[in-house]
Structures are given as structure tokens and as C-alpha cells.
Amino acid sequence: MVGYFLTMKTISIFKFEDYRAYLEVYRRMLCDSTQTKAQLEPWSKRLGYRSPRSIAMVIKGQRLPSATLVSRLSQDFKLNDREHRYFELLVEKARREKRGANLGDTLQQLQLLRGEESHGRLLSADQFSWIAEWYHYVLRQLIVTKWFREDLPWIQKTLRHKISAVQIRDAIERMIALGLVGRNRQGHLILTEPHIKTTQNIPSEALRQHQKQMLQRAIEAIDEQSLESRETTSVTIAIDSADFGAAVSAIRKFRDEFHVRFHKPKGGNAVFQLGLQFFEHTSKIGH
């Protein structure tokens, strides 16, 4: 469901790698960004707490949720056993990170529980064609920055006047229609899908155009942005064609690890694009 009355069951917990990001989605559905006591009180009372202070501190990252709170939140979100265990592990991961402990076993259990779900919602070719224009992806990430406001002139200026106000308005409407963006009860835009992806290795004119547009933005950045605000680097190597599949897997692994390490699902202050290109310069040498 998209709109003012989203429920936690419409958003899979397996798409989250941070328990605070999961709680923040629900908090945004209930409250505006001020997190006032009056707004959090009904939720806190439902969880069995007299004051909203405890839940507010957990959301802000000032306190880790206790086992009791994790259990009550799971019941409130109507999580099944597998989802509840995943939620517990997200909290355990945060606890280990705070202590500087090894995450290996916890990360392995999280991976086993989420399977392929955590990599994001898979869009069909038809769905992707709706948002193939490059700025849809950028707008989604702009929404989660800490200074975002739904003001068309402001968005247009922030995106360097690369698109029109009409394109911005239409893009938001399309993403809402697809369920990739929604609104909380105050009408503020929020992401309903933390991650999205397209089917790989299937030829698509929409996907080709999307990739060309992102490459064009990278070309423009060479002239428009200083060296201090961009990184352009490459390496030219000779490889064995039999290793191509393994090389592509390594690139995708790096991409996913980069995303996990640096992506800020809330509180980011800029939107960047990482582009990796790996292609053949030659034409079947020795054949």
C-alpha cells in the first residue's frame, strides 16, 4: 500500500541492514521530523512504556534496544519468527559494532535469513521502463538526505538544473504509483523500498538508455566539478576471457560492499553516483 496508511508489513525487514533505519521508516509514518513527545506517546504506550523517552533514544542511536523492547516491537510490527530473528540479529550486529567485536558469525546468519531479499526489490523490465530516466534514482536518494524539502525550484537547483520542474513532479508521481516512494501521515515523502534493482544480463533498451545517461552525467562532472568533489580512475589490463565471469562477480561484490559501508539511509547530505565500467577493447585476439 502506498500513501498515508502504510503498515510495516508492506515493507520487508529483510531489505534493511540497520535496525535504526527500519524503525525510522515506521517513525516517519507516525510522526514528522520533530519527534515530539506527543507524537511518540501513543506508540510508546502501546509498547508498554510510560514515557516516549526510551523509544526516542533508540531511534536516535543513543541507546540499543533491550531484548524486551525488541520482542515488543516485533509483536507491534506483527513479525513472524524468521523476521523476528532477523530483527534480533540487526540489533546484535549494532551491539558488536559498538564494542568493536567480530561481525563474521552475525553477518553470516543475517545473510542466511534474508537470502536474496536484502538485495532489494526486483523491478520487471516494464516497471523499470517507467523510471529509466536517470533522475528517478537520484530523486529517491535526495529524499533521504537530511535537508530535503519537496519544493520543485529547490530540487531543480539542487540537481544543477539538469531537469525541469515538470520532470521532477512527474517522476515523483511515477515512483509513488510504482510503490517506490510514499508519504507519511503528514504528507512528507519517504522511501517505501530501501533498495531497488533490475534484472541483470537481459538486453533492454530502457536499461541501455539509463546507463548512457549516467555515463553522460559522469562526463559532465569532469568539466563541471572540481577534483576535490569527484574521483575518476581506471585501469587497463590483459585478462583471460575465461575469467570474465569471475571478474564481473568481483565487481558486483565490491559494489554491494561499497553500498553497505557508505550509504546513509538517513542523515546523508549529498547524492553521489558510483559507476564501474568493465568492457573489452579488443576483438577476439588470436581467434
C-alpha atoms as a PDB file:
ATOM      1  CA  MET A   1       0.000   0.000   0.000  1.00  0.00           C
ATOM      2  CA  VAL A   2       1.285   3.473  -0.870  1.00  0.00           C
ATOM      3  CA  GLY A   3       0.200   6.716   0.755  1.00  0.00           C
ATOM      4  CA  TYR A   4      -0.660   7.840   4.243  1.00  0.00           C
ATOM      5  CA  PHE A   5      -1.564   4.484   5.718  1.00  0.00           C
ATOM      6  CA  LEU A   6       1.451   2.280   5.125  1.00  0.00           C
ATOM      7  CA  THR A   7       1.983  -0.611   7.506  1.00  0.00           C
ATOM      8  CA  MET A   8       5.224  -2.327   8.442  1.00  0.00           C
ATOM      9  CA  LYS A   9       4.020  -5.489   6.702  1.00  0.00           C
ATOM     10  CA  THR A  10       4.224  -3.645   3.376  1.00  0.00           C
ATOM     11  CA  ILE A  11       7.962  -3.132   3.916  1.00  0.00           C
ATOM     12  CA  SER A  12      10.136  -6.245   4.272  1.00  0.00           C
ATOM     13  CA  ILE A  13      12.603  -6.114   7.155  1.00  0.00           C
ATOM     14  CA  PHE A  14      14.950  -8.265   5.056  1.00  0.00           C
ATOM     15  CA  LYS A  15      15.651  -5.209   2.895  1.00  0.00           C
ATOM     16  CA  PHE A  16      17.288  -3.438   5.840  1.00  0.00           C
ATOM     17  CA  GLU A  17      20.850  -3.753   7.118  1.00  0.00           C
ATOM     18  CA  ASP A  18      20.404  -1.361  10.054  1.00  0.00           C
ATOM     19  CA  TYR A  19      17.669  -1.779  12.671  1.00  0.00           C
ATOM     20  CA  ARG A  20      17.523   2.002  13.171  1.00  0.00           C
ATOM     21  CA  ALA A  21      16.685   2.539   9.504  1.00  0.00           C
ATOM     22  CA  TYR A  22      13.816   0.067   9.880  1.00  0.00           C
ATOM     23  CA  LEU A  23      12.476   1.854  12.970  1.00  0.00           C
ATOM     24  CA  GLU A  24      12.904   5.220  11.251  1.00  0.00           C
ATOM     25  CA  VAL A  25      10.568   4.170   8.437  1.00  0.00           C
ATOM     26  CA  TYR A  26       7.835   3.443  10.973  1.00  0.00           C
ATOM     27  CA  ARG A  27       8.609   6.594  12.945  1.00  0.00           C
ATOM     28  CA  ARG A  28       8.172   8.667   9.781  1.00  0.00           C
ATOM     29  CA  MET A  29       4.819   7.040   9.151  1.00  0.00           C
ATOM     30  CA  LEU A  30       3.645   8.126  12.604  1.00  0.00           C
ATOM     31  CA  CYS A  31       5.384  11.436  13.150  1.00  0.00           C
ATOM     32  CA  ASP A  32       7.010  14.395  11.472  1.00  0.00           C
ATOM     33  CA  SER A  33      10.748  15.036  11.777  1.00  0.00           C
ATOM     34  CA  THR A  34      10.482  16.784  15.159  1.00  0.00           C
ATOM     35  CA  GLN A  35       9.734  13.536  17.043  1.00  0.00           C
ATOM     36  CA  THR A  36       7.798  15.427  19.696  1.00  0.00           C
ATOM     37  CA  LYS A  37       6.717  13.713  22.884  1.00  0.00           C
ATOM     38  CA  ALA A  38       3.043  13.994  21.986  1.00  0.00           C
ATOM     39  CA  GLN A  39       3.605  12.236  18.672  1.00  0.00           C
ATOM     40  CA  LEU A  40       5.600   9.310  20.111  1.00  0.00           C
ATOM     41  CA  GLU A  41       3.481   8.796  23.223  1.00  0.00           C
ATOM     42  CA  PRO A  42       0.772   6.559  21.678  1.00  0.00           C
ATOM     43  CA  TRP A  43       3.383   4.247  20.187  1.00  0.00           C
ATOM     44  CA  SER A  44       5.371   4.139  23.442  1.00  0.00           C
ATOM     45  CA  LYS A  45       2.269   3.326  25.491  1.00  0.00           C
ATOM     46  CA  ARG A  46       1.358   0.548  23.066  1.00  0.00           C
ATOM     47  CA  LEU A  47       4.829  -0.883  23.677  1.00  0.00           C
ATOM     48  CA  GLY A  48       4.298  -0.732  27.454  1.00  0.00           C
ATOM     49  CA  TYR A  49       6.359   2.376  28.281  1.00  0.00           C
ATOM     50  CA  ARG A  50       5.030   5.322  30.258  1.00  0.00           C
ATOM     51  CA  SER A  51       7.317   7.820  28.520  1.00  0.00           C
ATOM     52  CA  PRO A  52       8.423   8.042  24.864  1.00  0.00           C
ATOM     53  CA  ARG A  53      11.979   8.760  26.031  1.00  0.00           C
ATOM     54  CA  SER A  54      13.183   5.177  25.698  1.00  0.00           C
ATOM     55  CA  ILE A  55      11.954   4.648  22.137  1.00  0.00           C
ATOM     56  CA  ALA A  56      13.189   8.127  21.112  1.00  0.00           C
ATOM     57  CA  MET A  57      16.698   7.329  22.390  1.00  0.00           C
ATOM     58  CA  VAL A  58      16.702   4.039  20.489  1.00  0.00           C
ATOM     59  CA  ILE A  59      15.673   5.718  17.240  1.00  0.00           C
ATOM     60  CA  LYS A  60      18.375   8.375  17.669  1.00  0.00           C
ATOM     61  CA  GLY A  61      21.022   5.722  18.333  1.00  0.00           C
ATOM     62  CA  GLN A  62      21.656   6.892  21.897  1.00  0.00           C
ATOM     63  CA  ARG A  63      20.649   3.500  23.318  1.00  0.00           C
ATOM     64  CA  LEU A  64      20.444  -0.029  21.977  1.00  0.00           C
ATOM     65  CA  PRO A  65      17.028  -1.682  22.327  1.00  0.00           C
ATOM     66  CA  SER A  66      16.760  -4.261  25.091  1.00  0.00           C
ATOM     67  CA  ALA A  67      15.644  -7.823  24.391  1.00  0.00           C
ATOM     68  CA  THR A  68      12.256  -6.882  25.873  1.00  0.00           C
ATOM     69  CA  LEU A  69      11.854  -3.916  23.540  1.00  0.00           C
ATOM     70  CA  VAL A  70      12.903  -5.988  20.525  1.00  0.00           C
ATOM     71  CA  SER A  71      10.243  -8.543  21.435  1.00  0.00           C
ATOM     72  CA  ARG A  72       7.545  -5.879  21.898  1.00  0.00           C
ATOM     73  CA  LEU A  73       8.466  -4.154  18.637  1.00  0.00           C
ATOM     74  CA  SER A  74       8.304  -7.493  16.818  1.00  0.00           C
ATOM     75  CA  GLN A  75       4.802  -8.039  18.176  1.00  0.00           C
ATOM     76  CA  ASP A  76       3.801  -4.486  17.269  1.00  0.00           C
ATOM     77  CA  PHE A  77       5.072  -4.977  13.698  1.00  0.00           C
ATOM     78  CA  LYS A  78       3.485  -8.468  13.586  1.00  0.00           C
ATOM     79  CA  LEU A  79       6.783 -10.074  12.554  1.00  0.00           C
ATOM     80  CA  ASN A  80       6.882 -13.831  12.081  1.00  0.00           C
ATOM     81  CA  ASP A  81       9.574 -15.987  13.735  1.00  0.00           C
ATOM     82  CA  ARG A  82      12.053 -15.585  10.874  1.00  0.00           C
ATOM     83  CA  GLU A  83      11.532 -11.811  10.707  1.00  0.00           C
ATOM     84  CA  HIS A  84      11.825 -11.518  14.498  1.00  0.00           C
ATOM     85  CA  ARG A  85      15.126 -13.413  14.472  1.00  0.00           C
ATOM     86  CA  TYR A  86      16.430 -11.131  11.709  1.00  0.00           C
ATOM     87  CA  PHE A  87      15.450  -8.086  13.787  1.00  0.00           C
ATOM     88  CA  GLU A  88      17.295  -9.544  16.793  1.00  0.00           C
ATOM     89  CA  LEU A  89      20.396 -10.088  14.670  1.00  0.00           C
ATOM     90  CA  LEU A  90      20.324  -6.497  13.363  1.00  0.00           C
ATOM     91  CA  VAL A  91      20.410  -5.294  16.968  1.00  0.00           C
ATOM     92  CA  GLU A  92      23.173  -7.790  17.800  1.00  0.00           C
ATOM     93  CA  LYS A  93      25.161  -6.522  14.809  1.00  0.00           C
ATOM     94  CA  ALA A  94      24.889  -2.944  16.130  1.00  0.00           C
ATOM     95  CA  ARG A  95      25.915  -4.117  19.608  1.00  0.00           C
ATOM     96  CA  ARG A  96      29.000  -5.876  18.234  1.00  0.00           C
ATOM     97  CA  GLU A  97      29.921  -2.869  16.099  1.00  0.00           C
ATOM     98  CA  LYS A  98      29.758  -0.650  19.185  1.00  0.00           C
ATOM     99  CA  ARG A  99      32.135  -2.973  21.040  1.00  0.00           C
ATOM    100  CA  GLY A 100      34.418  -3.401  18.046  1.00  0.00           C
ATOM    101  CA  ALA A 101      33.750  -7.150  18.069  1.00  0.00           C
ATOM    102  CA  ASN A 102      33.974  -9.506  15.102  1.00  0.00           C
ATOM    103  CA  LEU A 103      30.814  -9.482  12.959  1.00  0.00           C
ATOM    104  CA  GLY A 104      31.502 -12.612  10.931  1.00  0.00           C
ATOM    105  CA  ASP A 105      29.024 -15.019  12.531  1.00  0.00           C
ATOM    106  CA  THR A 106      26.274 -12.393  12.855  1.00  0.00           C
ATOM    107  CA  LEU A 107      26.630 -11.290   9.232  1.00  0.00           C
ATOM    108  CA  GLN A 108      26.509 -14.914   8.086  1.00  0.00           C
ATOM    109  CA  GLN A 109      23.281 -15.541   9.988  1.00  0.00           C
ATOM    110  CA  LEU A 110      21.737 -12.368   8.564  1.00  0.00           C
ATOM    111  CA  GLN A 111      22.697 -13.447   5.062  1.00  0.00           C
ATOM    112  CA  LEU A 112      21.174 -16.880   5.549  1.00  0.00           C
ATOM    113  CA  LEU A 113      17.903 -15.423   6.815  1.00  0.00           C
ATOM    114  CA  ARG A 114      17.433 -12.831   4.129  1.00  0.00           C
ATOM    115  CA  GLY A 115      18.637 -14.867   1.169  1.00  0.00           C
ATOM    116  CA  GLU A 116      18.232 -12.721  -1.922  1.00  0.00           C
ATOM    117  CA  GLU A 117      15.615 -10.398  -0.430  1.00  0.00           C
ATOM    118  CA  SER A 118      18.065  -7.911   1.070  1.00  0.00           C
ATOM    119  CA  HIS A 119      19.473  -7.025  -2.331  1.00  0.00           C
ATOM    120  CA  GLY A 120      16.342  -5.017  -2.995  1.00  0.00           C
ATOM    121  CA  ARG A 121      13.069  -5.139  -4.819  1.00  0.00           C
ATOM    122  CA  LEU A 122      13.483  -6.593  -8.287  1.00  0.00           C
ATOM    123  CA  LEU A 123      11.796  -4.469 -10.941  1.00  0.00           C
ATOM    124  CA  SER A 124      10.431  -6.035 -14.094  1.00  0.00           C
ATOM    125  CA  ALA A 125      11.519  -4.651 -17.457  1.00  0.00           C
ATOM    126  CA  ASP A 126       8.170  -2.862 -17.789  1.00  0.00           C
ATOM    127  CA  GLN A 127       8.409  -1.346 -14.306  1.00  0.00           C
ATOM    128  CA  PHE A 128      11.970  -0.202 -14.887  1.00  0.00           C
ATOM    129  CA  SER A 129      10.985   1.449 -18.174  1.00  0.00           C
ATOM    130  CA  TRP A 130       8.788   3.806 -16.127  1.00  0.00           C
ATOM    131  CA  ILE A 131      11.781   5.107 -14.169  1.00  0.00           C
ATOM    132  CA  ALA A 132      14.615   4.512 -16.632  1.00  0.00           C
ATOM    133  CA  GLU A 133      15.432   8.220 -16.848  1.00  0.00           C
ATOM    134  CA  TRP A 134      18.491   8.783 -14.649  1.00  0.00           C
ATOM    135  CA  TYR A 135      16.926  11.362 -12.338  1.00  0.00           C
ATOM    136  CA  HIS A 136      14.436   8.915 -10.758  1.00  0.00           C
ATOM    137  CA  TYR A 137      17.245   7.144  -8.918  1.00  0.00           C
ATOM    138  CA  VAL A 138      18.810  10.455  -7.873  1.00  0.00           C
ATOM    139  CA  LEU A 139      15.489  11.808  -6.593  1.00  0.00           C
ATOM    140  CA  ARG A 140      14.975   8.672  -4.475  1.00  0.00           C
ATOM    141  CA  GLN A 141      18.276   9.273  -2.722  1.00  0.00           C
ATOM    142  CA  LEU A 142      17.717  13.021  -2.427  1.00  0.00           C
ATOM    143  CA  ILE A 143      14.542  12.285  -0.446  1.00  0.00           C
ATOM    144  CA  VAL A 144      16.548  10.638   2.363  1.00  0.00           C
ATOM    145  CA  THR A 145      19.058  13.480   2.745  1.00  0.00           C
ATOM    146  CA  LYS A 146      18.675  15.464   5.949  1.00  0.00           C
ATOM    147  CA  TRP A 147      17.853  18.757   4.233  1.00  0.00           C
ATOM    148  CA  PHE A 148      15.386  17.520   1.620  1.00  0.00           C
ATOM    149  CA  ARG A 149      12.225  19.530   1.074  1.00  0.00           C
ATOM    150  CA  GLU A 150       9.529  18.910  -1.503  1.00  0.00           C
ATOM    151  CA  ASP A 151       9.903  22.215  -3.274  1.00  0.00           C
ATOM    152  CA  LEU A 152      10.253  21.972  -7.066  1.00  0.00           C
ATOM    153  CA  PRO A 153      12.525  25.051  -7.557  1.00  0.00           C
ATOM    154  CA  TRP A 154      14.760  23.882  -4.685  1.00  0.00           C
ATOM    155  CA  ILE A 155      15.026  20.362  -6.116  1.00  0.00           C
ATOM    156  CA  GLN A 156      15.730  21.730  -9.588  1.00  0.00           C
ATOM    157  CA  LYS A 157      18.523  23.958  -8.268  1.00  0.00           C
ATOM    158  CA  THR A 158      19.960  21.145  -6.130  1.00  0.00           C
ATOM    159  CA  LEU A 159      20.127  18.893  -9.194  1.00  0.00           C
ATOM    160  CA  ARG A 160      22.100  21.564 -11.075  1.00  0.00           C
ATOM    161  CA  HIS A 161      19.141  22.429 -13.321  1.00  0.00           C
ATOM    162  CA  LYS A 162      19.635  19.189 -15.237  1.00  0.00           C
ATOM    163  CA  ILE A 163      15.869  18.570 -15.282  1.00  0.00           C
ATOM    164  CA  SER A 164      12.713  20.669 -15.306  1.00  0.00           C
ATOM    165  CA  ALA A 165      10.146  21.170 -12.560  1.00  0.00           C
ATOM    166  CA  VAL A 166       7.638  19.207 -14.651  1.00  0.00           C
ATOM    167  CA  GLN A 167      10.047  16.263 -14.920  1.00  0.00           C
ATOM    168  CA  ILE A 168      10.558  16.328 -11.140  1.00  0.00           C
ATOM    169  CA  ARG A 169       6.814  16.363 -10.434  1.00  0.00           C
ATOM    170  CA  ASP A 170       6.092  13.588 -12.930  1.00  0.00           C
ATOM    171  CA  ALA A 171       8.972  11.458 -11.639  1.00  0.00           C
ATOM    172  CA  ILE A 172       7.677  11.630  -8.058  1.00  0.00           C
ATOM    173  CA  GLU A 173       4.184  10.669  -9.214  1.00  0.00           C
ATOM    174  CA  ARG A 174       5.526   7.701 -11.193  1.00  0.00           C
ATOM    175  CA  MET A 175       7.567   6.429  -8.246  1.00  0.00           C
ATOM    176  CA  ILE A 176       4.550   6.721  -5.949  1.00  0.00           C
ATOM    177  CA  ALA A 177       2.466   4.777  -8.482  1.00  0.00           C
ATOM    178  CA  LEU A 178       5.097   2.013  -8.520  1.00  0.00           C
ATOM    179  CA  GLY A 179       5.285   1.900  -4.716  1.00  0.00           C
ATOM    180  CA  LEU A 180       8.927   3.019  -4.650  1.00  0.00           C
ATOM    181  CA  VAL A 181       8.068   6.232  -2.809  1.00  0.00           C
ATOM    182  CA  GLY A 182       5.212   7.009  -0.427  1.00  0.00           C
ATOM    183  CA  ARG A 183       4.031   9.609   2.068  1.00  0.00           C
ATOM    184  CA  ASN A 184       3.751   9.525   5.837  1.00  0.00           C
ATOM    185  CA  ARG A 185       0.696  10.823   7.694  1.00  0.00           C
ATOM    186  CA  GLN A 186       1.988  14.382   7.453  1.00  0.00           C
ATOM    187  CA  GLY A 187       2.266  14.021   3.669  1.00  0.00           C
ATOM    188  CA  HIS A 188       6.071  14.032   3.638  1.00  0.00           C
ATOM    189  CA  LEU A 189       7.831  11.888   1.038  1.00  0.00           C
ATOM    190  CA  ILE A 190       9.525   8.724   2.297  1.00  0.00           C
ATOM    191  CA  LEU A 191      11.087   5.680   0.651  1.00  0.00           C
ATOM    192  CA  THR A 192       8.923   2.572   0.848  1.00  0.00           C
ATOM    193  CA  GLU A 193      11.665   0.438  -0.749  1.00  0.00           C
ATOM    194  CA  PRO A 194      15.202   0.938   0.649  1.00  0.00           C
ATOM    195  CA  HIS A 195      16.825  -0.690  -2.394  1.00  0.00           C
ATOM    196  CA  ILE A 196      15.710  -1.428  -5.940  1.00  0.00           C
ATOM    197  CA  LYS A 197      17.402  -3.368  -8.711  1.00  0.00           C
ATOM    198  CA  THR A 198      16.784  -4.553 -12.236  1.00  0.00           C
ATOM    199  CA  THR A 199      17.208  -7.962 -13.784  1.00  0.00           C
ATOM    200  CA  GLN A 200      20.818  -8.307 -14.897  1.00  0.00           C
ATOM    201  CA  ASN A 201      22.180  -9.729 -18.165  1.00  0.00           C
ATOM    202  CA  ILE A 202      18.900  -9.204 -20.052  1.00  0.00           C
ATOM    203  CA  PRO A 203      19.124  -6.768 -23.005  1.00  0.00           C
ATOM    204  CA  SER A 204      16.794  -3.802 -22.579  1.00  0.00           C
ATOM    205  CA  GLU A 205      16.619  -0.538 -24.496  1.00  0.00           C
ATOM    206  CA  ALA A 206      15.462   1.246 -21.320  1.00  0.00           C
ATOM    207  CA  LEU A 207      18.428  -0.120 -19.364  1.00  0.00           C
ATOM    208  CA  ARG A 208      20.854   0.838 -22.140  1.00  0.00           C
ATOM    209  CA  GLN A 209      19.488   4.394 -22.152  1.00  0.00           C
ATOM    210  CA  HIS A 210      19.745   4.599 -18.362  1.00  0.00           C
ATOM    211  CA  GLN A 211      23.383   3.516 -18.450  1.00  0.00           C
ATOM    212  CA  LYS A 212      24.182   6.003 -21.244  1.00  0.00           C
ATOM    213  CA  GLN A 213      22.586   8.828 -19.250  1.00  0.00           C
ATOM    214  CA  MET A 214      24.601   8.009 -16.130  1.00  0.00           C
ATOM    215  CA  LEU A 215      27.786   7.926 -18.209  1.00  0.00           C
ATOM    216  CA  GLN A 216      26.826  11.318 -19.649  1.00  0.00           C
ATOM    217  CA  ARG A 217      26.449  12.721 -16.128  1.00  0.00           C
ATOM    218  CA  ALA A 218      29.958  11.404 -15.373  1.00  0.00           C
ATOM    219  CA  ILE A 219      31.344  13.123 -18.498  1.00  0.00           C
ATOM    220  CA  GLU A 220      29.690  16.399 -17.477  1.00  0.00           C
ATOM    221  CA  ALA A 221      31.160  16.096 -13.967  1.00  0.00           C
ATOM    222  CA  ILE A 222      34.690  16.149 -15.438  1.00  0.00           C
ATOM    223  CA  ASP A 223      34.088  19.704 -16.656  1.00  0.00           C
ATOM    224  CA  GLU A 224      31.651  20.933 -14.013  1.00  0.00           C
ATOM    225  CA  GLN A 225      33.077  19.602 -10.742  1.00  0.00           C
ATOM    226  CA  SER A 226      36.435  20.103  -9.058  1.00  0.00           C
ATOM    227  CA  LEU A 227      38.904  17.268  -8.475  1.00  0.00           C
ATOM    228  CA  GLU A 228      38.138  17.524  -4.756  1.00  0.00           C
ATOM    229  CA  SER A 229      34.495  16.544  -5.320  1.00  0.00           C
ATOM    230  CA  ARG A 230      34.873  13.672  -7.789  1.00  0.00           C
ATOM    231  CA  GLU A 231      37.065  10.658  -8.482  1.00  0.00           C
ATOM    232  CA  THR A 232      37.716   9.386 -11.992  1.00  0.00           C
ATOM    233  CA  THR A 233      40.099   6.478 -12.302  1.00  0.00           C
ATOM    234  CA  SER A 234      40.583   3.354 -14.403  1.00  0.00           C
ATOM    235  CA  VAL A 235      42.952   0.500 -15.141  1.00  0.00           C
ATOM    236  CA  THR A 236      43.624  -1.234 -18.461  1.00  0.00           C
ATOM    237  CA  ILE A 237      44.578  -4.897 -18.114  1.00  0.00           C
ATOM    238  CA  ALA A 238      45.035  -8.054 -20.160  1.00  0.00           C
ATOM    239  CA  ILE A 239      42.905 -10.942 -18.895  1.00  0.00           C
ATOM    240  CA  ASP A 240      41.962 -14.462 -19.822  1.00  0.00           C
ATOM    241  CA  SER A 241      38.467 -14.413 -21.312  1.00  0.00           C
ATOM    242  CA  ALA A 242      37.617 -17.457 -19.178  1.00  0.00           C
ATOM    243  CA  ASP A 243      37.957 -15.224 -16.090  1.00  0.00           C
ATOM    244  CA  PHE A 244      35.365 -12.707 -17.291  1.00  0.00           C
ATOM    245  CA  GLY A 245      32.555 -14.153 -15.168  1.00  0.00           C
ATOM    246  CA  ALA A 246      34.694 -14.173 -12.033  1.00  0.00           C
ATOM    247  CA  ALA A 247      35.794 -10.601 -12.724  1.00  0.00           C
ATOM    248  CA  VAL A 248      32.184  -9.421 -13.059  1.00  0.00           C
ATOM    249  CA  SER A 249      31.295 -11.185  -9.792  1.00  0.00           C
ATOM    250  CA  ALA A 250      34.163  -9.390  -8.038  1.00  0.00           C
ATOM    251  CA  ILE A 251      32.969  -6.019  -9.367  1.00  0.00           C
ATOM    252  CA  ARG A 252      29.405  -6.662  -8.163  1.00  0.00           C
ATOM    253  CA  LYS A 253      30.696  -7.774  -4.758  1.00  0.00           C
ATOM    254  CA  PHE A 254      32.695  -4.559  -4.448  1.00  0.00           C
ATOM    255  CA  ARG A 255      29.643  -2.521  -5.485  1.00  0.00           C
ATOM    256  CA  ASP A 256      27.464  -4.149  -2.816  1.00  0.00           C
ATOM    257  CA  GLU A 257      30.106  -3.793  -0.081  1.00  0.00           C
ATOM    258  CA  PHE A 258      30.664  -0.143  -1.041  1.00  0.00           C
ATOM    259  CA  HIS A 259      26.932   0.469  -0.781  1.00  0.00           C
ATOM    260  CA  VAL A 260      26.666  -1.139   2.653  1.00  0.00           C
ATOM    261  CA  ARG A 261      29.655   0.795   4.020  1.00  0.00           C
ATOM    262  CA  PHE A 262      28.915   4.290   2.762  1.00  0.00           C
ATOM    263  CA  HIS A 263      25.173   4.553   2.072  1.00  0.00           C
ATOM    264  CA  LYS A 264      23.345   6.673   4.656  1.00  0.00           C
ATOM    265  CA  PRO A 265      19.644   5.678   4.679  1.00  0.00           C
ATOM    266  CA  LYS A 266      19.075   8.835   6.726  1.00  0.00           C
ATOM    267  CA  GLY A 267      21.204  11.845   7.511  1.00  0.00           C
ATOM    268  CA  GLY A 268      23.207  11.991   4.285  1.00  0.00           C
ATOM    269  CA  ASN A 269      23.940  15.470   2.935  1.00  0.00           C
ATOM    270  CA  ALA A 270      24.699  14.758  -0.740  1.00  0.00           C
ATOM    271  CA  VAL A 271      23.876  12.290  -3.524  1.00  0.00           C
ATOM    272  CA  PHE A 272      26.805  10.696  -5.385  1.00  0.00           C
ATOM    273  CA  GLN A 273      26.985   8.174  -8.222  1.00  0.00           C
ATOM    274  CA  LEU A 274      29.447   5.276  -8.316  1.00  0.00           C
ATOM    275  CA  GLY A 275      29.966   3.949 -11.832  1.00  0.00           C
ATOM    276  CA  LEU A 276      32.130   0.991 -12.759  1.00  0.00           C
ATOM    277  CA  GLN A 277      32.747   0.068 -16.382  1.00  0.00           C
ATOM    278  CA  PHE A 278      34.402  -3.171 -17.438  1.00  0.00           C
ATOM    279  CA  PHE A 279      34.418  -3.868 -21.174  1.00  0.00           C
ATOM    280  CA  GLU A 280      36.575  -5.311 -23.935  1.00  0.00           C
ATOM    281  CA  HIS A 281      38.835  -3.070 -26.025  1.00  0.00           C
ATOM    282  CA  THR A 282      39.879  -5.871 -28.365  1.00  0.00           C
ATOM    283  CA  SER A 283      38.100  -8.047 -30.884  1.00  0.00           C
ATOM    284  CA  LYS A 284      38.855 -11.686 -30.086  1.00  0.00           C
ATOM    285  CA  ILE A 285      42.634 -11.629 -30.146  1.00  0.00           C
ATOM    286  CA  GLY A 286      44.068 -14.871 -31.504  1.00  0.00           C
ATOM    287  CA  HIS A 287      40.734 -16.103 -32.914  1.00  0.00           C
END
